[in-house]
Amino acid sequence: MNSTVESWLTKSREELDEIYRNAEPGNIPTGDTKGTAILAGSIFAKVVALFVGLYGWQGKVFDVFCPGGKAGLLVNKITALSLTFIVAKVYRDLSWLDGKDTIVIDYSTTSFFAKAIRDEIREIEPGVYLGKVWWGKKRILDFALTKSNAE
């Protein structure tokens, strides 16, 4: 696991929000990323991250298709077999957390099961993204995405 992501597993939601607020969106990722679920502020954050990473969600595969990397699609890697499904649109918009520019992962028109979900990510360091998960307008979770060259 990336050392930055590992340090996030010990932080509170407020500390992660501060890191997110102080970051620029960065570039929309391309290709395969490793995902880490972050149960902010919990003494079980490391166990949850390990369990979810082994048996649930492993990350996202981005396929940017618009010129200049302004928008695209992604699929999530799910289950211990890293099966790819649950498609989302990816584009830049304003964050629901702080109203500043962010990268949005939008399931509202691409997934029956996840249509109430919206993710937002910002690049904290090259190839390392901090994300926020929204269910409707309610924040439910934080997560990290790491490009393989940032491990």
C-alpha atoms as a PDB file:
ATOM      1  CA  MET A   1       0.000   0.000   0.000  1.00  0.00           C
ATOM      2  CA  ASN A   2       1.179   3.519  -0.776  1.00  0.00           C
ATOM      3  CA  SER A   3       2.565   5.200   2.386  1.00  0.00           C
ATOM      4  CA  THR A   4       0.371   8.288   1.944  1.00  0.00           C
ATOM      5  CA  VAL A   5      -2.766   6.150   1.656  1.00  0.00           C
ATOM      6  CA  GLU A   6      -1.693   4.103   4.659  1.00  0.00           C
ATOM      7  CA  SER A   7      -1.374   7.307   6.724  1.00  0.00           C
ATOM      8  CA  TRP A   8      -4.927   8.310   5.727  1.00  0.00           C
ATOM      9  CA  LEU A   9      -6.267   5.193   7.476  1.00  0.00           C
ATOM     10  CA  THR A  10      -5.389   6.789  10.829  1.00  0.00           C
ATOM     11  CA  LYS A  11      -6.990  10.173  10.141  1.00  0.00           C
ATOM     12  CA  SER A  12     -10.372  11.568  11.107  1.00  0.00           C
ATOM     13  CA  ARG A  13     -12.968  12.618   8.547  1.00  0.00           C
ATOM     14  CA  GLU A  14     -12.171  16.264   9.344  1.00  0.00           C
ATOM     15  CA  GLU A  15      -8.445  15.716   8.695  1.00  0.00           C
ATOM     16  CA  LEU A  16      -9.187  13.990   5.366  1.00  0.00           C
ATOM     17  CA  ASP A  17     -11.577  16.800   4.422  1.00  0.00           C
ATOM     18  CA  GLU A  18      -8.814  19.345   5.093  1.00  0.00           C
ATOM     19  CA  ILE A  19      -6.384  17.433   2.855  1.00  0.00           C
ATOM     20  CA  TYR A  20      -9.062  17.311   0.149  1.00  0.00           C
ATOM     21  CA  ARG A  21      -9.927  21.013   0.464  1.00  0.00           C
ATOM     22  CA  ASN A  22      -6.260  21.997   0.073  1.00  0.00           C
ATOM     23  CA  ALA A  23      -5.746  19.944  -3.109  1.00  0.00           C
ATOM     24  CA  GLU A  24      -6.255  20.722  -6.776  1.00  0.00           C
ATOM     25  CA  PRO A  25      -8.221  18.196  -8.871  1.00  0.00           C
ATOM     26  CA  GLY A  26      -5.174  17.155 -10.899  1.00  0.00           C
ATOM     27  CA  ASN A  27      -5.541  15.085 -14.036  1.00  0.00           C
ATOM     28  CA  ILE A  28      -8.323  12.601 -14.596  1.00  0.00           C
ATOM     29  CA  PRO A  29      -6.646   9.221 -14.114  1.00  0.00           C
ATOM     30  CA  THR A  30      -6.289   6.823 -17.027  1.00  0.00           C
ATOM     31  CA  GLY A  31      -6.041   3.063 -16.864  1.00  0.00           C
ATOM     32  CA  ASP A  32      -6.050   0.856 -13.802  1.00  0.00           C
ATOM     33  CA  THR A  33      -6.064   2.186 -10.228  1.00  0.00           C
ATOM     34  CA  LYS A  34      -5.911   0.389  -6.892  1.00  0.00           C
ATOM     35  CA  GLY A  35      -8.676   1.370  -4.498  1.00  0.00           C
ATOM     36  CA  THR A  36      -8.638   1.597  -0.719  1.00  0.00           C
ATOM     37  CA  ALA A  37     -11.833   2.129   1.277  1.00  0.00           C
ATOM     38  CA  ILE A  38     -11.278   4.520   4.203  1.00  0.00           C
ATOM     39  CA  LEU A  39     -13.548   4.362   7.226  1.00  0.00           C
ATOM     40  CA  ALA A  40     -12.302   7.676   8.596  1.00  0.00           C
ATOM     41  CA  GLY A  41     -11.903   8.034  12.326  1.00  0.00           C
ATOM     42  CA  SER A  42     -12.487   4.364  13.095  1.00  0.00           C
ATOM     43  CA  ILE A  43     -10.142   2.108  15.029  1.00  0.00           C
ATOM     44  CA  PHE A  44     -11.174  -0.545  12.512  1.00  0.00           C
ATOM     45  CA  ALA A  45     -10.125   1.475   9.427  1.00  0.00           C
ATOM     46  CA  LYS A  46      -7.151  -0.768   8.573  1.00  0.00           C
ATOM     47  CA  VAL A  47      -9.185  -3.971   8.976  1.00  0.00           C
ATOM     48  CA  VAL A  48     -12.040  -2.570   6.876  1.00  0.00           C
ATOM     49  CA  ALA A  49      -9.615  -1.436   4.153  1.00  0.00           C
ATOM     50  CA  LEU A  50      -8.024  -4.897   4.049  1.00  0.00           C
ATOM     51  CA  PHE A  51     -11.342  -6.778   4.047  1.00  0.00           C
ATOM     52  CA  VAL A  52     -12.979  -4.575   1.393  1.00  0.00           C
ATOM     53  CA  GLY A  53      -9.813  -4.715  -0.721  1.00  0.00           C
ATOM     54  CA  LEU A  54      -9.745  -8.499  -0.646  1.00  0.00           C
ATOM     55  CA  TYR A  55     -13.425  -9.308  -1.052  1.00  0.00           C
ATOM     56  CA  GLY A  56     -15.307  -6.232  -2.228  1.00  0.00           C
ATOM     57  CA  TRP A  57     -13.980  -3.264  -4.166  1.00  0.00           C
ATOM     58  CA  GLN A  58     -10.431  -3.215  -5.568  1.00  0.00           C
ATOM     59  CA  GLY A  59     -10.422   0.062  -7.505  1.00  0.00           C
ATOM     60  CA  LYS A  60     -11.416   1.605 -10.808  1.00  0.00           C
ATOM     61  CA  VAL A  61     -10.327   1.376 -14.437  1.00  0.00           C
ATOM     62  CA  PHE A  62     -10.501   4.740 -16.208  1.00  0.00           C
ATOM     63  CA  ASP A  63     -10.914   5.099 -19.963  1.00  0.00           C
ATOM     64  CA  VAL A  64     -10.692   8.786 -20.854  1.00  0.00           C
ATOM     65  CA  PHE A  65     -12.050   9.274 -24.354  1.00  0.00           C
ATOM     66  CA  CYS A  66     -12.517  13.020 -24.848  1.00  0.00           C
ATOM     67  CA  PRO A  67      -9.705  15.172 -26.273  1.00  0.00           C
ATOM     68  CA  GLY A  68      -7.580  16.763 -23.586  1.00  0.00           C
ATOM     69  CA  GLY A  69      -8.648  14.294 -20.891  1.00  0.00           C
ATOM     70  CA  LYS A  70     -11.681  16.388 -19.880  1.00  0.00           C
ATOM     71  CA  ALA A  71     -14.187  13.522 -19.507  1.00  0.00           C
ATOM     72  CA  GLY A  72     -14.567   9.784 -19.872  1.00  0.00           C
ATOM     73  CA  LEU A  73     -15.911   6.586 -18.411  1.00  0.00           C
ATOM     74  CA  LEU A  74     -14.751   4.115 -15.805  1.00  0.00           C
ATOM     75  CA  VAL A  75     -15.645   0.700 -14.484  1.00  0.00           C
ATOM     76  CA  ASN A  76     -15.209  -0.501 -10.921  1.00  0.00           C
ATOM     77  CA  LYS A  77     -13.236  -3.610 -10.018  1.00  0.00           C
ATOM     78  CA  ILE A  78     -15.447  -5.706  -7.734  1.00  0.00           C
ATOM     79  CA  THR A  79     -15.040  -9.042  -5.858  1.00  0.00           C
ATOM     80  CA  ALA A  80     -11.907 -11.025  -5.129  1.00  0.00           C
ATOM     81  CA  LEU A  81     -11.667 -11.712  -8.870  1.00  0.00           C
ATOM     82  CA  SER A  82     -11.550  -7.972  -9.753  1.00  0.00           C
ATOM     83  CA  LEU A  83     -14.490  -8.310 -12.120  1.00  0.00           C
ATOM     84  CA  THR A  84     -15.176  -5.031 -13.901  1.00  0.00           C
ATOM     85  CA  PHE A  85     -18.667  -3.635 -13.803  1.00  0.00           C
ATOM     86  CA  ILE A  86     -20.669  -0.655 -12.492  1.00  0.00           C
ATOM     87  CA  VAL A  87     -19.926   1.992 -15.093  1.00  0.00           C
ATOM     88  CA  ALA A  88     -19.716   5.723 -14.342  1.00  0.00           C
ATOM     89  CA  LYS A  89     -19.194   8.952 -16.235  1.00  0.00           C
ATOM     90  CA  VAL A  90     -16.112  10.949 -15.280  1.00  0.00           C
ATOM     91  CA  TYR A  91     -15.867  14.718 -15.692  1.00  0.00           C
ATOM     92  CA  ARG A  92     -14.871  17.948 -13.973  1.00  0.00           C
ATOM     93  CA  ASP A  93     -17.432  19.895 -11.954  1.00  0.00           C
ATOM     94  CA  LEU A  94     -17.760  21.681  -8.620  1.00  0.00           C
ATOM     95  CA  SER A  95     -17.347  19.696  -5.415  1.00  0.00           C
ATOM     96  CA  TRP A  96     -20.315  19.215  -3.121  1.00  0.00           C
ATOM     97  CA  LEU A  97     -17.874  19.427  -0.201  1.00  0.00           C
ATOM     98  CA  ASP A  98     -16.351  22.861  -0.848  1.00  0.00           C
ATOM     99  CA  GLY A  99     -17.682  24.208  -4.161  1.00  0.00           C
ATOM    100  CA  LYS A 100     -14.250  24.108  -5.834  1.00  0.00           C
ATOM    101  CA  ASP A 101     -13.195  22.256  -8.991  1.00  0.00           C
ATOM    102  CA  THR A 102     -13.021  18.478  -8.637  1.00  0.00           C
ATOM    103  CA  ILE A 103     -13.166  15.264 -10.665  1.00  0.00           C
ATOM    104  CA  VAL A 104     -16.663  13.761 -10.464  1.00  0.00           C
ATOM    105  CA  ILE A 105     -17.478  10.077 -10.866  1.00  0.00           C
ATOM    106  CA  ASP A 106     -21.191  10.040 -11.663  1.00  0.00           C
ATOM    107  CA  TYR A 107     -23.299   6.861 -11.661  1.00  0.00           C
ATOM    108  CA  SER A 108     -26.700   8.593 -12.031  1.00  0.00           C
ATOM    109  CA  THR A 109     -27.252   7.707 -15.702  1.00  0.00           C
ATOM    110  CA  THR A 110     -25.014   4.664 -16.084  1.00  0.00           C
ATOM    111  CA  SER A 111     -25.925   2.287 -13.255  1.00  0.00           C
ATOM    112  CA  PHE A 112     -29.255   1.076 -11.935  1.00  0.00           C
ATOM    113  CA  PHE A 113     -27.684  -0.165  -8.693  1.00  0.00           C
ATOM    114  CA  ALA A 114     -25.438   2.834  -8.011  1.00  0.00           C
ATOM    115  CA  LYS A 115     -27.473   5.674  -9.522  1.00  0.00           C
ATOM    116  CA  ALA A 116     -27.699   7.495  -6.167  1.00  0.00           C
ATOM    117  CA  ILE A 117     -23.885   7.456  -5.809  1.00  0.00           C
ATOM    118  CA  ARG A 118     -21.529  10.296  -6.707  1.00  0.00           C
ATOM    119  CA  ASP A 119     -17.799  10.128  -6.041  1.00  0.00           C
ATOM    120  CA  GLU A 120     -15.416  13.055  -6.094  1.00  0.00           C
ATOM    121  CA  ILE A 121     -11.625  12.779  -6.293  1.00  0.00           C
ATOM    122  CA  ARG A 122      -8.635  15.119  -6.144  1.00  0.00           C
ATOM    123  CA  GLU A 123      -5.004  14.270  -6.846  1.00  0.00           C
ATOM    124  CA  ILE A 124      -3.070  14.765  -3.616  1.00  0.00           C
ATOM    125  CA  GLU A 125       0.305  13.720  -5.011  1.00  0.00           C
ATOM    126  CA  PRO A 126       1.218  12.317  -8.439  1.00  0.00           C
ATOM    127  CA  GLY A 127      -0.944   9.239  -9.024  1.00  0.00           C
ATOM    128  CA  VAL A 128      -2.576   9.317  -5.552  1.00  0.00           C
ATOM    129  CA  TYR A 129      -6.178  10.499  -5.253  1.00  0.00           C
ATOM    130  CA  LEU A 130      -8.362  11.125  -2.221  1.00  0.00           C
ATOM    131  CA  GLY A 131     -12.064  10.534  -2.809  1.00  0.00           C
ATOM    132  CA  LYS A 132     -15.394  11.288  -1.197  1.00  0.00           C
ATOM    133  CA  VAL A 133     -18.489   9.094  -1.674  1.00  0.00           C
ATOM    134  CA  TRP A 134     -21.952  10.662  -1.632  1.00  0.00           C
ATOM    135  CA  TRP A 135     -25.236   8.756  -1.463  1.00  0.00           C
ATOM    136  CA  GLY A 136     -27.683  11.380  -2.640  1.00  0.00           C
ATOM    137  CA  LYS A 137     -26.456  14.469  -0.794  1.00  0.00           C
ATOM    138  CA  LYS A 138     -25.173  12.490   2.236  1.00  0.00           C
ATOM    139  CA  ARG A 139     -21.452  11.783   2.632  1.00  0.00           C
ATOM    140  CA  ILE A 140     -20.921   8.134   3.476  1.00  0.00           C
ATOM    141  CA  LEU A 141     -17.270   7.208   2.977  1.00  0.00           C
ATOM    142  CA  ASP A 142     -13.788   8.248   1.924  1.00  0.00           C
ATOM    143  CA  PHE A 143     -11.499   6.294  -0.393  1.00  0.00           C
ATOM    144  CA  ALA A 144      -8.134   6.412  -2.109  1.00  0.00           C
ATOM    145  CA  LEU A 145      -7.102   5.550  -5.662  1.00  0.00           C
ATOM    146  CA  THR A 146      -3.492   4.847  -6.515  1.00  0.00           C
ATOM    147  CA  LYS A 147      -1.965   4.462  -9.956  1.00  0.00           C
ATOM    148  CA  SER A 148       0.474   1.519 -10.131  1.00  0.00           C
ATOM    149  CA  ASN A 149       3.485   3.818 -10.649  1.00  0.00           C
ATOM    150  CA  ALA A 150       2.659   5.618  -7.356  1.00  0.00           C
ATOM    151  CA  GLU A 151       2.856   2.446  -5.210  1.00  0.00           C
END
